[in-house]
Amino acid sequence: MRVVFAGGWRSKWEGWLRAISMPIVDDRKTVARAMSKTVRDGLWLLVRARNALRPQPTVRLPVPVISVGNITVGGTGKTPLTQWLVVRLHQHGHRPAILTPLPADADEVREHATTLPCPIYPGRDRVATAHQALVNGATAIVLDDGFQYRRLHRQLDIVLWDAMAWLHPDNPLLREPLAALQRADVVVLSKADALDTAQRRALQERLNAWANGAKVLAAFGYVPSGVWAWQQKASCPVTALSGLRVVAATAIGNPLYFALTAQRAGCEVVALVCFPDHHRFTPADAEDVLALVRRWKADGVLTTRKDGLKWQKVWQAGVPLWILEVHLHWFWGENALLQTALSACPGDEAVAR
């Protein structure tokens, strides 16, 4: 599979960071990790200094708050887990609301808005957006990417760890030290299908050691479940991809995992085009991808649901565009995680409000 970095220097930078954060060691990676660790540690010092100089009071809300977050940069699965959580809360009588620091036109905001039975409130000041949600009748608050946001007290802190990430203090993608896992109430292992059973259990033990307790409650991966054919505006079974040669084109945090998931759908990924995370596609981007389709004689382009919303604005009808649909597959802990979340959000509060 060929890998192409598109969309400028950011995609190359993100790809380089991803490469050196994989749990594989060689001499070149050792030097690169040392360089990136120096930059990362300097940023940590600045954040700690800012927090010390500008302490923020913690606000307690009259409804339960659950945070879904991580301690690494991007691509850990916060969006699908947040969606799973709010759907379950809604099914159990709550009126949940999602608070996200992203702007209103961000990929995740649009995806939440088109798939979920609850409102989403974008904005960096989540104390303010929480009060908006309360005025509109929310009985539970879910903080998307909320682990580093300290201003709101929460009843439950869920932290995701990407099974493909390097569990080591020198991982350049760490947003804060691994010891921060000790603040988590629950750790969930994402992309667990990238490991075999023995590897998953070994990683669970190591994460529990860093978290200082048996906190790895659940593990999930993704299973291809269908395909949306853009030209036909129709949903197809995932078997429609079987035997096809595709160019995978994404602007997500972990494009390699998407390519691996696509291959499990039965297609051949002849090239993976990696745009910067959250990149807004342009007609020129579409032309570049179409040139790769012609160059490698692919049958069409495959992308994620989140990226499909953006590609559709600039795509040309001549080349098939397919959107791969996936659903969560739980290896263990789905019910345990649900019961933990429901315990943090008693049903009586939902009824009372």
Protein backbone atom coordinates (compact mmCIF):
# COMPACT_ATOMS: atom_id res chain seq x y z
CA MET A 1 0.00 0.00 0.00
CA ARG A 2 1.40 3.38 -1.04
CA VAL A 3 1.12 6.32 1.38
CA VAL A 4 0.79 9.87 0.06
CA PHE A 5 0.88 12.97 2.28
CA ALA A 6 -1.29 15.74 0.86
CA GLY A 7 -2.51 19.15 1.96
CA GLY A 8 0.82 20.74 2.82
CA TRP A 9 3.41 20.43 5.57
CA ARG A 10 0.91 19.60 8.32
CA SER A 11 0.13 16.16 6.93
CA LYS A 12 3.84 15.32 6.71
CA TRP A 13 4.37 16.55 10.28
CA GLU A 14 1.43 14.50 11.58
CA GLY A 15 2.60 11.45 9.63
CA TRP A 16 6.10 11.80 11.06
CA LEU A 17 4.76 12.04 14.61
CA ARG A 18 2.53 9.01 14.03
CA ALA A 19 5.43 6.99 12.66
CA ILE A 20 7.79 7.66 15.56
CA SER A 21 5.01 7.05 18.10
CA MET A 22 4.44 3.48 16.92
CA PRO A 23 5.72 0.82 19.39
CA ILE A 24 8.68 -0.11 17.14
CA VAL A 25 12.26 0.89 17.91
CA ASP A 26 15.13 1.62 15.54
CA ASP A 27 18.02 4.09 15.60
CA ARG A 28 16.29 6.75 13.47
CA LYS A 29 13.17 6.63 15.61
CA THR A 30 15.25 6.90 18.78
CA VAL A 31 16.79 10.20 17.60
CA ALA A 32 13.47 11.57 16.33
CA ARG A 33 11.70 10.65 19.56
CA ALA A 34 14.34 12.43 21.62
CA MET A 35 13.91 15.59 19.52
CA SER A 36 10.12 15.57 19.70
CA LYS A 37 10.17 14.75 23.42
CA THR A 38 12.22 17.92 24.07
CA VAL A 39 9.61 20.05 22.27
CA ARG A 40 6.72 18.23 23.96
CA ASP A 41 8.22 18.61 27.47
CA GLY A 42 8.68 22.32 26.85
CA LEU A 43 5.01 22.66 25.95
CA TRP A 44 4.04 20.75 29.10
CA LEU A 45 6.03 23.24 31.19
CA LEU A 46 4.21 26.15 29.56
CA VAL A 47 0.81 24.55 30.23
CA ARG A 48 1.67 23.85 33.87
CA ALA A 49 2.92 27.42 34.31
CA ARG A 50 -0.26 28.82 32.76
CA ASN A 51 -2.44 26.65 35.00
CA ALA A 52 -0.49 27.74 38.08
CA LEU A 53 -0.66 31.44 37.20
CA ARG A 54 -4.31 31.40 36.14
CA PRO A 55 -6.12 28.88 38.33
CA GLN A 56 -9.74 28.31 37.35
CA PRO A 57 -12.48 27.51 39.88
CA THR A 58 -14.32 24.23 39.38
CA VAL A 59 -18.01 24.68 38.62
CA ARG A 60 -20.52 22.09 39.82
CA LEU A 61 -23.64 21.68 37.71
CA PRO A 62 -27.05 20.50 39.01
CA VAL A 63 -26.94 17.57 36.54
CA PRO A 64 -24.37 14.78 36.11
CA VAL A 65 -21.35 15.38 33.89
CA ILE A 66 -19.36 12.66 32.08
CA SER A 67 -16.11 13.43 30.31
CA VAL A 68 -14.81 11.41 27.34
CA GLY A 69 -11.19 12.23 26.64
CA ASN A 70 -7.65 11.03 26.07
CA ILE A 71 -4.04 11.88 26.87
CA THR A 72 -2.68 11.58 23.33
CA VAL A 73 -3.17 13.78 20.29
CA GLY A 74 -6.08 12.88 18.02
CA GLY A 75 -7.53 9.72 16.57
CA THR A 76 -8.30 7.66 19.68
CA GLY A 77 -12.02 7.15 19.07
CA LYS A 78 -13.60 9.86 21.22
CA THR A 79 -16.27 10.67 18.62
CA PRO A 80 -17.75 7.14 18.26
CA LEU A 81 -17.59 6.48 22.00
CA THR A 82 -19.31 9.80 22.72
CA GLN A 83 -22.01 8.86 20.22
CA TRP A 84 -22.44 5.44 21.83
CA LEU A 85 -22.69 7.03 25.28
CA VAL A 86 -25.30 9.68 24.49
CA VAL A 87 -27.47 7.19 22.60
CA ARG A 88 -27.45 4.89 25.65
CA LEU A 89 -28.23 7.77 28.02
CA HIS A 90 -31.10 8.82 25.77
CA GLN A 91 -32.44 5.26 25.75
CA HIS A 92 -32.44 5.27 29.56
CA GLY A 93 -34.55 8.41 29.86
CA HIS A 94 -31.98 11.21 29.90
CA ARG A 95 -31.87 14.26 27.69
CA PRO A 96 -28.09 14.42 27.17
CA ALA A 97 -26.19 17.30 25.61
CA ILE A 98 -22.67 17.23 24.18
CA LEU A 99 -20.23 20.04 24.91
CA THR A 100 -17.28 20.25 22.53
CA PRO A 101 -14.43 22.79 22.31
CA LEU A 102 -14.54 22.60 18.51
CA PRO A 103 -16.09 25.31 16.33
CA ALA A 104 -19.57 24.85 14.91
CA ASP A 105 -18.28 23.92 11.44
CA ALA A 106 -15.84 21.22 12.65
CA ASP A 107 -16.06 17.69 11.27
CA GLU A 108 -17.09 16.05 14.54
CA VAL A 109 -19.76 18.68 15.22
CA ARG A 110 -21.38 18.06 11.85
CA GLU A 111 -21.17 14.30 12.32
CA HIS A 112 -22.77 14.48 15.78
CA ALA A 113 -25.50 16.78 14.46
CA THR A 114 -26.45 14.41 11.64
CA THR A 115 -26.46 11.16 13.64
CA LEU A 116 -27.47 11.83 17.25
CA PRO A 117 -30.77 12.37 19.09
CA CYS A 118 -29.38 15.19 21.21
CA PRO A 119 -28.09 18.75 20.82
CA ILE A 120 -24.40 19.61 20.60
CA TYR A 121 -22.98 22.87 21.93
CA PRO A 122 -19.67 23.98 20.36
CA GLY A 123 -17.39 26.49 22.04
CA ARG A 124 -14.27 26.65 24.18
CA ASP A 125 -16.06 28.10 27.21
CA ARG A 126 -17.88 24.97 28.29
CA VAL A 127 -19.15 26.53 31.49
CA ALA A 128 -21.15 28.92 29.32
CA THR A 129 -22.32 26.23 26.89
CA ALA A 130 -23.28 24.00 29.84
CA HIS A 131 -25.60 26.69 31.13
CA GLN A 132 -27.13 26.98 27.65
CA ALA A 133 -27.75 23.23 27.69
CA LEU A 134 -29.36 23.42 31.13
CA VAL A 135 -31.69 26.20 30.02
CA ASN A 136 -32.74 23.98 27.10
CA GLY A 137 -33.57 21.07 29.42
CA ALA A 138 -30.49 18.83 29.43
CA THR A 139 -30.47 16.24 32.22
CA ALA A 140 -26.92 15.00 31.57
CA ILE A 141 -23.81 16.63 30.11
CA VAL A 142 -21.16 14.78 28.08
CA LEU A 143 -17.84 16.57 27.62
CA ASP A 144 -16.31 15.54 24.30
CA ASP A 145 -12.51 15.79 24.66
CA GLY A 146 -12.92 16.90 28.25
CA PHE A 147 -10.11 15.23 30.22
CA GLN A 148 -7.87 18.31 30.19
CA TYR A 149 -10.77 20.70 30.84
CA ARG A 150 -10.72 21.31 34.61
CA ARG A 151 -13.37 24.03 35.03
CA LEU A 152 -16.34 21.65 35.19
CA HIS A 153 -16.67 19.09 37.95
CA ARG A 154 -17.57 15.70 36.56
CA GLN A 155 -19.05 12.53 38.03
CA LEU A 156 -17.14 10.24 35.65
CA ASP A 157 -13.89 10.64 33.70
CA ILE A 158 -13.55 8.18 30.80
CA VAL A 159 -10.14 8.13 29.09
CA LEU A 160 -9.44 6.33 25.83
CA TRP A 161 -6.14 4.72 24.90
CA ASP A 162 -5.37 3.82 21.28
CA ALA A 163 -4.17 0.20 21.10
CA MET A 164 -1.86 1.18 18.22
CA ALA A 165 -0.08 3.84 20.30
CA TRP A 166 3.26 3.46 22.05
CA LEU A 167 2.64 3.09 25.80
CA HIS A 168 5.83 4.77 26.93
CA PRO A 169 6.70 8.11 28.61
CA ASP A 170 8.63 9.15 25.47
CA ASN A 171 5.61 8.87 23.15
CA PRO A 172 5.66 12.23 21.30
CA LEU A 173 1.86 12.25 20.95
CA LEU A 174 1.25 12.47 24.70
CA ARG A 175 -0.72 15.56 25.71
CA GLU A 176 0.34 15.07 29.33
CA PRO A 177 2.40 12.46 31.25
CA LEU A 178 1.19 8.86 31.48
CA ALA A 179 0.73 9.37 35.22
CA ALA A 180 -2.31 11.47 34.29
CA LEU A 181 -4.15 8.16 33.80
CA GLN A 182 -4.40 8.07 37.59
CA ARG A 183 -6.99 10.88 37.38
CA ALA A 184 -9.22 8.72 35.19
CA ASP A 185 -12.13 6.79 36.66
CA VAL A 186 -12.28 4.42 33.68
CA VAL A 187 -9.85 3.62 30.86
CA VAL A 188 -11.23 2.24 27.59
CA LEU A 189 -8.99 0.55 25.02
CA SER A 190 -9.86 1.61 21.47
CA LYS A 191 -8.81 0.03 18.14
CA ALA A 192 -8.38 -3.19 20.10
CA ASP A 193 -8.86 -5.20 16.90
CA ALA A 194 -5.32 -4.13 15.91
CA LEU A 195 -4.02 -6.58 18.56
CA ASP A 196 -4.53 -10.26 19.21
CA THR A 197 -6.03 -11.56 22.47
CA ALA A 198 -2.71 -11.98 24.29
CA GLN A 199 -1.53 -8.51 23.22
CA ARG A 200 -4.79 -6.92 24.38
CA ARG A 201 -4.52 -8.51 27.82
CA ALA A 202 -0.85 -7.51 28.14
CA LEU A 203 -1.67 -3.90 27.22
CA GLN A 204 -4.57 -3.94 29.69
CA GLU A 205 -2.19 -4.93 32.49
CA ARG A 206 0.34 -2.23 31.57
CA LEU A 207 -2.36 0.46 31.38
CA ASN A 208 -3.70 -0.63 34.77
CA ALA A 209 -0.20 -0.27 36.19
CA TRP A 210 0.13 3.29 34.87
CA ALA A 211 -3.39 4.12 36.07
CA ASN A 212 -2.58 2.72 39.51
CA GLY A 213 -5.61 0.42 39.59
CA ALA A 214 -7.82 -1.93 37.59
CA LYS A 215 -9.31 0.85 35.49
CA VAL A 216 -9.29 -0.68 31.98
CA LEU A 217 -12.97 -1.55 31.99
CA ALA A 218 -13.69 -2.09 28.29
CA ALA A 219 -12.13 -2.57 24.86
CA PHE A 220 -13.58 -2.01 21.41
CA GLY A 221 -12.67 -1.93 17.74
CA TYR A 222 -14.49 -1.19 14.49
CA VAL A 223 -16.23 -3.52 12.06
CA PRO A 224 -17.15 -2.46 8.51
CA SER A 225 -20.94 -2.55 8.35
CA GLY A 226 -21.94 -0.95 5.04
CA VAL A 227 -21.10 1.45 2.25
CA TRP A 228 -22.76 4.67 1.12
CA ALA A 229 -22.38 5.16 -2.63
CA TRP A 230 -22.37 8.91 -3.21
CA GLN A 231 -23.25 8.89 -6.92
CA GLN A 232 -26.24 6.58 -6.42
CA LYS A 233 -27.19 8.18 -3.09
CA ALA A 234 -27.76 4.64 -1.86
CA SER A 235 -26.63 2.40 0.97
CA CYS A 236 -24.99 -0.87 -0.07
CA PRO A 237 -23.83 -3.95 1.85
CA VAL A 238 -20.16 -3.96 2.74
CA THR A 239 -19.67 -6.87 0.31
CA ALA A 240 -20.06 -4.30 -2.50
CA LEU A 241 -16.40 -3.39 -1.89
CA SER A 242 -15.15 -6.95 -2.25
CA GLY A 243 -12.38 -7.19 -4.83
CA LEU A 244 -12.33 -3.47 -5.68
CA ARG A 245 -9.14 -1.43 -5.92
CA VAL A 246 -9.60 1.83 -4.01
CA VAL A 247 -7.70 4.95 -3.07
CA ALA A 248 -8.41 5.75 0.59
CA ALA A 249 -8.45 9.53 1.15
CA THR A 250 -8.96 10.89 4.67
CA ALA A 251 -8.30 13.84 6.96
CA ILE A 252 -8.44 12.06 10.32
CA GLY A 253 -6.09 11.51 13.23
CA ASN A 254 -5.16 7.90 12.41
CA PRO A 255 -5.47 7.27 8.66
CA LEU A 256 -3.48 4.02 8.78
CA TYR A 257 -6.12 2.40 10.98
CA PHE A 258 -8.81 3.43 8.50
CA ALA A 259 -6.89 1.74 5.69
CA LEU A 260 -6.58 -1.45 7.74
CA THR A 261 -10.31 -1.36 8.48
CA ALA A 262 -11.05 -0.85 4.77
CA GLN A 263 -8.97 -3.88 3.86
CA ARG A 264 -11.05 -5.97 6.24
CA ALA A 265 -14.06 -4.94 4.13
CA GLY A 266 -12.55 -6.94 1.27
CA CYS A 267 -11.13 -4.20 -0.95
CA GLU A 268 -7.53 -3.57 -1.96
CA VAL A 269 -6.23 -0.20 -0.79
CA VAL A 270 -3.78 0.68 -3.54
CA ALA A 271 -2.97 4.06 -1.96
CA LEU A 272 -3.65 5.90 1.28
CA VAL A 273 -3.85 9.69 0.89
CA CYS A 274 -3.35 11.43 4.23
CA PHE A 275 -4.56 15.00 4.59
CA PRO A 276 -4.04 16.98 7.84
CA ASP A 277 -6.55 16.19 10.58
CA HIS A 278 -9.74 18.30 10.10
CA HIS A 279 -8.53 19.50 6.68
CA ARG A 280 -11.20 21.16 4.51
CA PHE A 281 -11.04 19.64 1.06
CA THR A 282 -10.81 21.88 -2.00
CA PRO A 283 -11.48 21.23 -5.71
CA ALA A 284 -7.69 21.06 -6.13
CA ASP A 285 -7.52 18.28 -3.51
CA ALA A 286 -10.18 16.36 -5.43
CA GLU A 287 -8.17 16.75 -8.65
CA ASP A 288 -5.03 15.43 -6.92
CA VAL A 289 -6.86 12.36 -5.60
CA LEU A 290 -8.51 11.70 -8.97
CA ALA A 291 -5.06 11.81 -10.58
CA LEU A 292 -3.95 9.05 -8.21
CA VAL A 293 -7.04 7.02 -9.07
CA ARG A 294 -6.10 7.20 -12.75
CA ARG A 295 -2.41 6.60 -12.09
CA TRP A 296 -2.96 3.39 -10.14
CA LYS A 297 -6.05 2.26 -12.08
CA ALA A 298 -8.28 2.24 -9.01
CA ASP A 299 -12.03 1.66 -9.17
CA GLY A 300 -12.84 4.65 -6.97
CA VAL A 301 -12.19 6.50 -3.72
CA LEU A 302 -13.08 5.33 -0.22
CA THR A 303 -13.39 7.67 2.74
CA THR A 304 -14.85 7.98 6.23
CA ARG A 305 -18.30 9.24 7.10
CA LYS A 306 -16.79 12.37 8.64
CA ASP A 307 -14.69 13.10 5.55
CA GLY A 308 -17.50 12.18 3.17
CA LEU A 309 -19.49 15.21 4.29
CA LYS A 310 -16.64 17.41 3.05
CA TRP A 311 -15.70 15.49 -0.09
CA GLN A 312 -19.27 15.69 -1.39
CA LYS A 313 -18.96 19.48 -1.73
CA VAL A 314 -16.03 19.28 -4.16
CA TRP A 315 -16.34 15.84 -5.75
CA GLN A 316 -16.77 15.19 -9.46
CA ALA A 317 -19.44 12.73 -10.48
CA GLY A 318 -17.23 10.78 -12.89
CA VAL A 319 -15.34 8.74 -10.28
CA PRO A 320 -17.12 6.65 -7.62
CA LEU A 321 -16.92 7.97 -4.07
CA TRP A 322 -17.73 5.45 -1.34
CA ILE A 323 -18.19 6.17 2.35
CA LEU A 324 -17.32 3.27 4.63
CA GLU A 325 -19.77 2.78 7.48
CA VAL A 326 -18.50 1.08 10.65
CA HIS A 327 -19.93 0.08 14.00
CA LEU A 328 -18.33 -0.57 17.36
CA HIS A 329 -17.36 -4.13 18.20
CA TRP A 330 -16.84 -4.69 21.92
CA PHE A 331 -14.23 -7.24 22.97
CA TRP A 332 -15.21 -6.88 26.57
CA GLY A 333 -16.81 -4.47 29.01
CA GLU A 334 -19.68 -2.84 27.08
CA ASN A 335 -22.26 -3.59 29.77
CA ALA A 336 -19.84 -2.76 32.59
CA LEU A 337 -19.09 0.63 31.00
CA LEU A 338 -22.80 1.31 30.48
CA GLN A 339 -23.63 0.46 34.09
CA THR A 340 -20.81 2.70 35.31
CA ALA A 341 -22.14 5.59 33.21
CA LEU A 342 -25.72 5.02 34.38
CA SER A 343 -24.53 4.95 38.01
CA ALA A 344 -22.99 8.37 37.42
CA CYS A 345 -26.30 9.56 35.89
CA PRO A 346 -29.13 8.22 38.09
CA GLY A 347 -32.35 7.73 36.18
CA ASP A 348 -34.38 9.55 38.83
CA GLU A 349 -32.73 12.83 37.83
CA ALA A 350 -33.81 12.38 34.23
CA VAL A 351 -37.40 11.74 35.28
CA ALA A 352 -37.45 14.59 37.79
CA ARG A 353 -36.38 17.12 35.19
